[in-house]
C-alpha atoms as a PDB file:
ATOM      1  CA  MET A   1     -10.673 -15.489  -6.465  1.00  0.00           C
ATOM      2  CA  PRO A   2     -11.416 -17.562  -9.406  1.00  0.00           C
ATOM      3  CA  GLU A   3      -9.145 -17.289 -12.594  1.00  0.00           C
ATOM      4  CA  ILE A   4     -11.056 -15.406 -15.318  1.00  0.00           C
ATOM      5  CA  GLU A   5     -10.201 -17.935 -17.847  1.00  0.00           C
ATOM      6  CA  SER A   6     -11.420 -20.872 -15.439  1.00  0.00           C
ATOM      7  CA  LEU A   7     -15.125 -19.482 -15.319  1.00  0.00           C
ATOM      8  CA  PRO A   8     -17.559 -21.781 -17.298  1.00  0.00           C
ATOM      9  CA  ASP A   9     -19.910 -20.444 -20.084  1.00  0.00           C
ATOM     10  CA  GLY A  10     -22.998 -18.386 -18.845  1.00  0.00           C
ATOM     11  CA  THR A  11     -21.007 -16.544 -16.112  1.00  0.00           C
ATOM     12  CA  SER A  12     -20.423 -13.313 -18.173  1.00  0.00           C
ATOM     13  CA  HIS A  13     -21.582 -11.013 -15.376  1.00  0.00           C
ATOM     14  CA  GLN A  14     -18.929 -12.735 -12.891  1.00  0.00           C
ATOM     15  CA  ARG A  15     -16.356 -12.682 -15.488  1.00  0.00           C
ATOM     16  CA  ASN A  16     -16.667  -8.924 -16.491  1.00  0.00           C
ATOM     17  CA  ASN A  17     -16.608  -8.227 -12.488  1.00  0.00           C
ATOM     18  CA  LEU A  18     -13.258 -10.332 -12.231  1.00  0.00           C
ATOM     19  CA  ASN A  19     -11.788  -8.655 -15.329  1.00  0.00           C
ATOM     20  CA  HIS A  20     -12.667  -4.922 -13.684  1.00  0.00           C
ATOM     21  CA  GLN A  21     -11.008  -6.012 -10.608  1.00  0.00           C
ATOM     22  CA  ALA A  22      -7.910  -7.503 -12.311  1.00  0.00           C
ATOM     23  CA  ILE A  23      -7.194  -4.294 -14.449  1.00  0.00           C
ATOM     24  CA  GLU A  24      -7.615  -2.145 -11.283  1.00  0.00           C
ATOM     25  CA  ASP A  25      -5.542  -4.526  -9.207  1.00  0.00           C
ATOM     26  CA  TYR A  26      -2.908  -4.236 -11.952  1.00  0.00           C
ATOM     27  CA  LEU A  27      -3.092  -0.635 -12.132  1.00  0.00           C
ATOM     28  CA  LYS A  28      -2.613  -0.039  -8.304  1.00  0.00           C
ATOM     29  CA  THR A  29       0.392  -2.780  -8.439  1.00  0.00           C
ATOM     30  CA  ILE A  30       2.037  -1.124 -11.326  1.00  0.00           C
ATOM     31  CA  TYR A  31       1.686   2.597  -9.565  1.00  0.00           C
ATOM     32  CA  THR A  32       2.929   1.405  -6.077  1.00  0.00           C
ATOM     33  CA  LEU A  33       6.103  -0.360  -7.787  1.00  0.00           C
ATOM     34  CA  ALA A  34       6.776   2.678  -9.901  1.00  0.00           C
ATOM     35  CA  GLN A  35       7.376   4.718  -6.705  1.00  0.00           C
ATOM     36  CA  GLU A  36      10.300   2.701  -6.032  1.00  0.00           C
ATOM     37  CA  GLU A  37      11.810   2.248  -9.527  1.00  0.00           C
ATOM     38  CA  SER A  38      10.138   3.098 -13.093  1.00  0.00           C
ATOM     39  CA  PRO A  39       9.629   1.832 -15.816  1.00  0.00           C
ATOM     40  CA  VAL A  40       8.322  -1.262 -13.983  1.00  0.00           C
ATOM     41  CA  SER A  41       9.407  -4.396 -15.434  1.00  0.00           C
ATOM     42  CA  THR A  42       7.065  -7.223 -16.114  1.00  0.00           C
ATOM     43  CA  SER A  43       9.033  -9.741 -13.734  1.00  0.00           C
ATOM     44  CA  ARG A  44       8.381  -7.243 -10.914  1.00  0.00           C
ATOM     45  CA  ILE A  45       4.849  -6.918 -11.821  1.00  0.00           C
ATOM     46  CA  ALA A  46       4.537 -10.724 -11.946  1.00  0.00           C
ATOM     47  CA  ASP A  47       6.201 -11.299  -8.646  1.00  0.00           C
ATOM     48  CA  ALA A  48       4.106  -8.618  -6.885  1.00  0.00           C
ATOM     49  CA  ARG A  49       0.689  -9.918  -8.393  1.00  0.00           C
ATOM     50  CA  GLU A  50       1.908 -13.635  -7.458  1.00  0.00           C
ATOM     51  CA  VAL A  51       1.239 -14.772 -11.016  1.00  0.00           C
ATOM     52  CA  LYS A  52       3.608 -16.446 -13.878  1.00  0.00           C
ATOM     53  CA  PRO A  53       5.349 -13.649 -15.946  1.00  0.00           C
ATOM     54  CA  ALA A  54       3.334 -15.037 -19.237  1.00  0.00           C
ATOM     55  CA  SER A  55       0.235 -14.061 -17.249  1.00  0.00           C
ATOM     56  CA  ALA A  56       1.587 -10.612 -16.286  1.00  0.00           C
ATOM     57  CA  THR A  57       2.533 -10.154 -19.723  1.00  0.00           C
ATOM     58  CA  SER A  58      -0.981 -11.126 -21.081  1.00  0.00           C
ATOM     59  CA  MET A  59      -2.668  -8.500 -18.823  1.00  0.00           C
ATOM     60  CA  ILE A  60       0.046  -5.755 -19.560  1.00  0.00           C
ATOM     61  CA  LYS A  61      -1.023  -5.975 -23.184  1.00  0.00           C
ATOM     62  CA  ARG A  62      -4.700  -5.686 -22.582  1.00  0.00           C
ATOM     63  CA  LEU A  63      -3.777  -2.670 -20.336  1.00  0.00           C
ATOM     64  CA  ALA A  64      -1.828  -1.125 -23.285  1.00  0.00           C
ATOM     65  CA  ASN A  65      -4.757  -1.507 -25.579  1.00  0.00           C
ATOM     66  CA  LEU A  66      -6.858   0.127 -23.280  1.00  0.00           C
ATOM     67  CA  LYS A  67      -4.576   3.117 -23.676  1.00  0.00           C
ATOM     68  CA  MET A  68      -3.847   2.396 -19.459  1.00  0.00           C
ATOM     69  CA  VAL A  69      -0.323   1.713 -19.864  1.00  0.00           C
ATOM     70  CA  ASP A  70       2.789   2.077 -21.904  1.00  0.00           C
ATOM     71  CA  TYR A  71       4.445  -0.702 -22.840  1.00  0.00           C
ATOM     72  CA  GLU A  72       7.715  -1.966 -24.510  1.00  0.00           C
ATOM     73  CA  LYS A  73       9.309  -5.532 -24.499  1.00  0.00           C
ATOM     74  CA  HIS A  74      12.378  -5.542 -22.378  1.00  0.00           C
ATOM     75  CA  TYR A  75      12.047  -1.938 -21.441  1.00  0.00           C
ATOM     76  CA  GLY A  76       9.021  -1.988 -19.017  1.00  0.00           C
ATOM     77  CA  VAL A  77       5.641  -0.440 -18.268  1.00  0.00           C
ATOM     78  CA  THR A  78       4.517   2.989 -17.296  1.00  0.00           C
ATOM     79  CA  LEU A  79       1.071   4.518 -16.533  1.00  0.00           C
ATOM     80  CA  THR A  80      -0.627   6.651 -18.912  1.00  0.00           C
ATOM     81  CA  PRO A  81      -2.302   9.601 -17.503  1.00  0.00           C
ATOM     82  CA  SER A  82      -5.756   7.839 -17.473  1.00  0.00           C
ATOM     83  CA  GLY A  83      -4.228   4.593 -16.043  1.00  0.00           C
ATOM     84  CA  GLU A  84      -2.544   6.711 -13.064  1.00  0.00           C
ATOM     85  CA  LYS A  85      -5.880   8.378 -12.635  1.00  0.00           C
ATOM     86  CA  LEU A  86      -7.674   5.195 -12.105  1.00  0.00           C
ATOM     87  CA  ALA A  87      -4.734   3.655  -9.942  1.00  0.00           C
ATOM     88  CA  LEU A  88      -5.074   6.584  -7.697  1.00  0.00           C
ATOM     89  CA  GLU A  89      -9.022   6.381  -7.488  1.00  0.00           C
ATOM     90  CA  VAL A  90      -8.613   2.886  -6.340  1.00  0.00           C
ATOM     91  CA  ILE A  91      -6.098   3.578  -3.849  1.00  0.00           C
ATOM     92  CA  ARG A  92      -8.002   6.420  -2.278  1.00  0.00           C
ATOM     93  CA  HIS A  93     -11.110   3.925  -2.019  1.00  0.00           C
ATOM     94  CA  HIS A  94      -8.776   1.392  -0.363  1.00  0.00           C
ATOM     95  CA  ARG A  95      -7.412   3.813   2.324  1.00  0.00           C
ATOM     96  CA  LEU A  96     -10.568   5.396   3.010  1.00  0.00           C
ATOM     97  CA  ILE A  97     -12.235   2.452   3.596  1.00  0.00           C
ATOM     98  CA  GLU A  98      -9.234   1.055   5.876  1.00  0.00           C
ATOM     99  CA  LEU A  99      -9.535   4.130   8.056  1.00  0.00           C
ATOM    100  CA  TYR A 100     -13.371   4.036   8.183  1.00  0.00           C
ATOM    101  CA  LEU A 101     -13.320   0.245   9.261  1.00  0.00           C
ATOM    102  CA  MET A 102     -11.011   1.220  12.106  1.00  0.00           C
ATOM    103  CA  GLU A 103     -12.917   4.430  13.205  1.00  0.00           C
ATOM    104  CA  ALA A 104     -16.477   3.327  12.647  1.00  0.00           C
ATOM    105  CA  LEU A 105     -16.554  -0.395  12.906  1.00  0.00           C
ATOM    106  CA  GLY A 106     -13.824  -1.046  15.361  1.00  0.00           C
ATOM    107  CA  PHE A 107     -11.575  -3.056  13.214  1.00  0.00           C
ATOM    108  CA  SER A 108      -8.003  -3.215  14.065  1.00  0.00           C
ATOM    109  CA  TRP A 109      -5.317  -2.005  11.775  1.00  0.00           C
ATOM    110  CA  ASP A 110      -4.031  -5.383  11.139  1.00  0.00           C
ATOM    111  CA  GLU A 111      -7.434  -6.586   9.842  1.00  0.00           C
ATOM    112  CA  VAL A 112      -8.450  -3.858   7.272  1.00  0.00           C
ATOM    113  CA  HIS A 113      -6.300  -4.246   4.293  1.00  0.00           C
ATOM    114  CA  GLU A 114      -7.902  -7.582   3.458  1.00  0.00           C
ATOM    115  CA  GLN A 115     -11.615  -6.253   3.828  1.00  0.00           C
ATOM    116  CA  ALA A 116     -10.420  -2.958   2.125  1.00  0.00           C
ATOM    117  CA  ASP A 117      -8.914  -5.031  -0.984  1.00  0.00           C
ATOM    118  CA  ILE A 118     -12.481  -6.319  -1.626  1.00  0.00           C
ATOM    119  CA  LEU A 119     -14.375  -3.222  -1.185  1.00  0.00           C
ATOM    120  CA  GLU A 120     -12.170  -1.081  -2.824  1.00  0.00           C
ATOM    121  CA  HIS A 121     -13.809  -2.108  -6.397  1.00  0.00           C
ATOM    122  CA  VAL A 122     -17.298  -2.074  -5.539  1.00  0.00           C
ATOM    123  CA  ILE A 123     -18.102   1.407  -3.722  1.00  0.00           C
ATOM    124  CA  SER A 124     -19.619   3.904  -5.296  1.00  0.00           C
ATOM    125  CA  GLU A 125     -18.243   7.594  -5.711  1.00  0.00           C
ATOM    126  CA  LYS A 126     -21.098   8.630  -3.732  1.00  0.00           C
ATOM    127  CA  LEU A 127     -20.277   6.468  -0.827  1.00  0.00           C
ATOM    128  CA  GLU A 128     -16.571   7.249  -1.205  1.00  0.00           C
ATOM    129  CA  GLU A 129     -17.534  10.757  -0.724  1.00  0.00           C
ATOM    130  CA  ARG A 130     -19.768  10.282   2.278  1.00  0.00           C
ATOM    131  CA  ILE A 131     -16.898   8.217   4.058  1.00  0.00           C
ATOM    132  CA  ALA A 132     -14.375  10.984   3.482  1.00  0.00           C
ATOM    133  CA  ALA A 133     -16.729  13.487   4.861  1.00  0.00           C
ATOM    134  CA  ALA A 134     -17.437  11.410   7.933  1.00  0.00           C
ATOM    135  CA  LEU A 135     -14.005  11.192   8.487  1.00  0.00           C
ATOM    136  CA  ASN A 136     -13.120  14.759   8.077  1.00  0.00           C
ATOM    137  CA  TYR A 137     -11.237  14.290   4.914  1.00  0.00           C
ATOM    138  CA  PRO A 138      -7.932  12.651   6.381  1.00  0.00           C
ATOM    139  CA  GLU A 139      -4.755  12.821   4.693  1.00  0.00           C
ATOM    140  CA  PHE A 140      -3.320   9.314   5.844  1.00  0.00           C
ATOM    141  CA  ASP A 141      -4.730   5.961   6.317  1.00  0.00           C
ATOM    142  CA  PRO A 142      -4.017   3.927   9.592  1.00  0.00           C
ATOM    143  CA  HIS A 143      -0.667   2.576   8.295  1.00  0.00           C
ATOM    144  CA  GLY A 144       0.343   6.007   7.512  1.00  0.00           C
ATOM    145  CA  ASP A 145      -0.171   5.905   3.730  1.00  0.00           C
ATOM    146  CA  PRO A 146      -1.236   9.187   2.129  1.00  0.00           C
ATOM    147  CA  ILE A 147      -4.726   9.118   0.770  1.00  0.00           C
ATOM    148  CA  PRO A 148      -5.101  10.440  -2.709  1.00  0.00           C
ATOM    149  CA  ALA A 149      -7.278  13.481  -2.492  1.00  0.00           C
ATOM    150  CA  LYS A 150     -10.129  13.771  -5.397  1.00  0.00           C
ATOM    151  CA  ASP A 151      -8.084  15.682  -7.880  1.00  0.00           C
ATOM    152  CA  GLY A 152      -5.193  13.068  -7.319  1.00  0.00           C
ATOM    153  CA  SER A 153      -2.782  15.045  -5.264  1.00  0.00           C
ATOM    154  CA  ILE A 154      -0.886  13.384  -2.613  1.00  0.00           C
ATOM    155  CA  THR A 155       0.819  14.694   0.607  1.00  0.00           C
ATOM    156  CA  ALA A 156       4.334  14.278   0.663  1.00  0.00           C
ATOM    157  CA  ILE A 157       6.455  13.522   3.832  1.00  0.00           C
ATOM    158  CA  ASP A 158      10.588  13.314   3.790  1.00  0.00           C
ATOM    159  CA  VAL A 159      10.850  10.002   5.386  1.00  0.00           C
ATOM    160  CA  GLU A 160      13.722   7.442   6.238  1.00  0.00           C
ATOM    161  CA  LEU A 161      13.836   3.986   7.232  1.00  0.00           C
ATOM    162  CA  LEU A 162      14.025   3.386  10.849  1.00  0.00           C
ATOM    163  CA  SER A 163      16.818   1.180  10.292  1.00  0.00           C
ATOM    164  CA  ALA A 164      19.172   3.806   8.880  1.00  0.00           C
ATOM    165  CA  VAL A 165      18.594   6.121  11.755  1.00  0.00           C
ATOM    166  CA  PRO A 166      21.878   7.099  13.685  1.00  0.00           C
ATOM    167  CA  SER A 167      22.180   6.415  17.539  1.00  0.00           C
ATOM    168  CA  GLY A 168      20.775   9.597  19.672  1.00  0.00           C
ATOM    169  CA  SER A 169      18.215  10.630  16.985  1.00  0.00           C
ATOM    170  CA  THR A 170      14.482  11.017  18.021  1.00  0.00           C
ATOM    171  CA  VAL A 171      12.158  10.451  14.951  1.00  0.00           C
ATOM    172  CA  TRP A 172       8.338  10.208  14.545  1.00  0.00           C
ATOM    173  CA  VAL A 173       6.863   6.833  13.148  1.00  0.00           C
ATOM    174  CA  ARG A 174       5.051   8.047   9.915  1.00  0.00           C
ATOM    175  CA  ARG A 175       4.356   5.065   7.725  1.00  0.00           C
ATOM    176  CA  ILE A 176       4.561   1.047   7.679  1.00  0.00           C
ATOM    177  CA  ILE A 177       5.683  -0.117   4.410  1.00  0.00           C
ATOM    178  CA  ASP A 178       4.010  -3.710   4.606  1.00  0.00           C
ATOM    179  CA  ASP A 179       0.429  -3.003   5.487  1.00  0.00           C
ATOM    180  CA  ALA A 180      -0.850  -6.310   4.034  1.00  0.00           C
ATOM    181  CA  ASN A 181       1.465  -8.196   6.775  1.00  0.00           C
ATOM    182  CA  SER A 182      -0.975  -8.812   9.677  1.00  0.00           C
ATOM    183  CA  GLU A 183       1.575 -10.612  11.816  1.00  0.00           C
ATOM    184  CA  LEU A 184       4.082  -7.641  11.541  1.00  0.00           C
ATOM    185  CA  LEU A 185       1.437  -5.153  12.356  1.00  0.00           C
ATOM    186  CA  ARG A 186       0.337  -6.939  15.418  1.00  0.00           C
ATOM    187  CA  TYR A 187       4.055  -7.059  16.523  1.00  0.00           C
ATOM    188  CA  LEU A 188       4.536  -3.325  15.716  1.00  0.00           C
ATOM    189  CA  ALA A 189       1.323  -2.198  17.908  1.00  0.00           C
ATOM    190  CA  GLU A 190       2.853  -4.275  20.695  1.00  0.00           C
ATOM    191  CA  MET A 191       6.094  -2.406  20.360  1.00  0.00           C
ATOM    192  CA  GLY A 192       4.264   0.812  20.289  1.00  0.00           C
ATOM    193  CA  LEU A 193       5.506   1.392  16.772  1.00  0.00           C
ATOM    194  CA  THR A 194       2.549   3.134  15.347  1.00  0.00           C
ATOM    195  CA  PRO A 195       2.174   6.255  13.172  1.00  0.00           C
ATOM    196  CA  GLY A 196       2.424   9.507  15.243  1.00  0.00           C
ATOM    197  CA  THR A 197       4.544   8.080  17.920  1.00  0.00           C
ATOM    198  CA  ALA A 198       8.108   9.309  18.938  1.00  0.00           C
ATOM    199  CA  VAL A 199      11.125   7.295  18.838  1.00  0.00           C
ATOM    200  CA  THR A 200      14.494   7.748  20.454  1.00  0.00           C
ATOM    201  CA  VAL A 201      17.187   5.304  18.727  1.00  0.00           C
ATOM    202  CA  GLN A 202      19.249   4.496  21.663  1.00  0.00           C
ATOM    203  CA  SER A 203      21.807   2.149  20.292  1.00  0.00           C
ATOM    204  CA  VAL A 204      22.172   0.433  16.806  1.00  0.00           C
ATOM    205  CA  ALA A 205      24.219  -2.802  16.935  1.00  0.00           C
ATOM    206  CA  PRO A 206      26.657  -3.315  14.476  1.00  0.00           C
ATOM    207  CA  PHE A 207      26.874  -6.207  11.558  1.00  0.00           C
ATOM    208  CA  GLU A 208      23.112  -6.010  10.906  1.00  0.00           C
ATOM    209  CA  GLY A 209      22.264  -6.294  14.557  1.00  0.00           C
ATOM    210  CA  PRO A 210      19.134  -5.032  16.279  1.00  0.00           C
ATOM    211  CA  LEU A 211      18.047  -1.535  17.290  1.00  0.00           C
ATOM    212  CA  THR A 212      17.456  -0.488  20.997  1.00  0.00           C
ATOM    213  CA  LEU A 213      14.508   2.192  21.136  1.00  0.00           C
ATOM    214  CA  LEU A 214      13.210   4.425  23.707  1.00  0.00           C
ATOM    215  CA  ILE A 215       9.219   4.302  23.248  1.00  0.00           C
ATOM    216  CA  ALA A 216       6.767   5.877  25.538  1.00  0.00           C
ATOM    217  CA  ASP A 217       9.572   5.774  28.450  1.00  0.00           C
ATOM    218  CA  GLU A 218      10.067   1.964  27.832  1.00  0.00           C
ATOM    219  CA  THR A 219      13.197   0.319  26.191  1.00  0.00           C
ATOM    220  CA  ARG A 220      12.360  -1.930  23.280  1.00  0.00           C
ATOM    221  CA  VAL A 221      14.705  -3.949  21.094  1.00  0.00           C
ATOM    222  CA  ILE A 222      13.733  -4.736  17.371  1.00  0.00           C
ATOM    223  CA  GLY A 223      15.587  -6.695  14.791  1.00  0.00           C
ATOM    224  CA  ARG A 224      17.094  -4.592  11.879  1.00  0.00           C
ATOM    225  CA  ASN A 225      14.511  -6.412   9.334  1.00  0.00           C
ATOM    226  CA  VAL A 226      11.730  -5.188  11.193  1.00  0.00           C
ATOM    227  CA  ALA A 227      12.972  -1.450  11.460  1.00  0.00           C
ATOM    228  CA  ALA A 228      13.503  -1.590   7.601  1.00  0.00           C
ATOM    229  CA  SER A 229       9.681  -1.671   7.277  1.00  0.00           C
ATOM    230  CA  VAL A 230       8.885   1.347   9.351  1.00  0.00           C
ATOM    231  CA  LEU A 231       9.692   4.963   7.851  1.00  0.00           C
ATOM    232  CA  VAL A 232      10.149   7.763  10.134  1.00  0.00           C
ATOM    233  CA  GLU A 233      10.527  11.264  10.024  1.00  0.00           C
ATOM    234  CA  PHE A 234      13.144  13.210  11.949  1.00  0.00           C
ATOM    235  CA  ALA A 235      11.834  15.348  14.863  1.00  0.00           C
END
């Protein structure tokens, strides 16, 4: 995607579209980062957006002028009610599209994130409602992430990192943290670590060593870093 500032004169429509997408992308990023720690620092936002801090600060100031965020230098960024509402709308679009691409069009779960990143900005509210109805108003996307309802409410589940589960415990896989990592998703699918799967932790090696798991009557060994990308619920 080209930078907004690099577009030549005479491309106002494209410039407006990119500006609209950039605003939504930043709001979505801020919302996601705020689930871990809030207020969100500009450096965390810049890292997540893979831009220079100055670019992130410029966009944050623009969002503040639009009353989408509250921003204080050296303190951080929080979403205003209107900013959070728009962020949740975009996230709802994204997660519904991911599930629809899998259920209706046969995409695999490692392919849908990139497609949804594009389509989330352009679908209408009417199409969103049709997709939700066709899927029977689902609560979760293919990676286990909750899909915000129309009113902005989200289903909450008490989850734990698989890497922190003690030996002898049986858990259910609920969410994959890095749903944009196609290689990781393919590996997890090969191992059987997909949402809704029951897993028994047979042993945990010391000193950050691997975990030995029982999945569908098969023994699997995964690294601690992979286990740290899987969120589970105790059975």
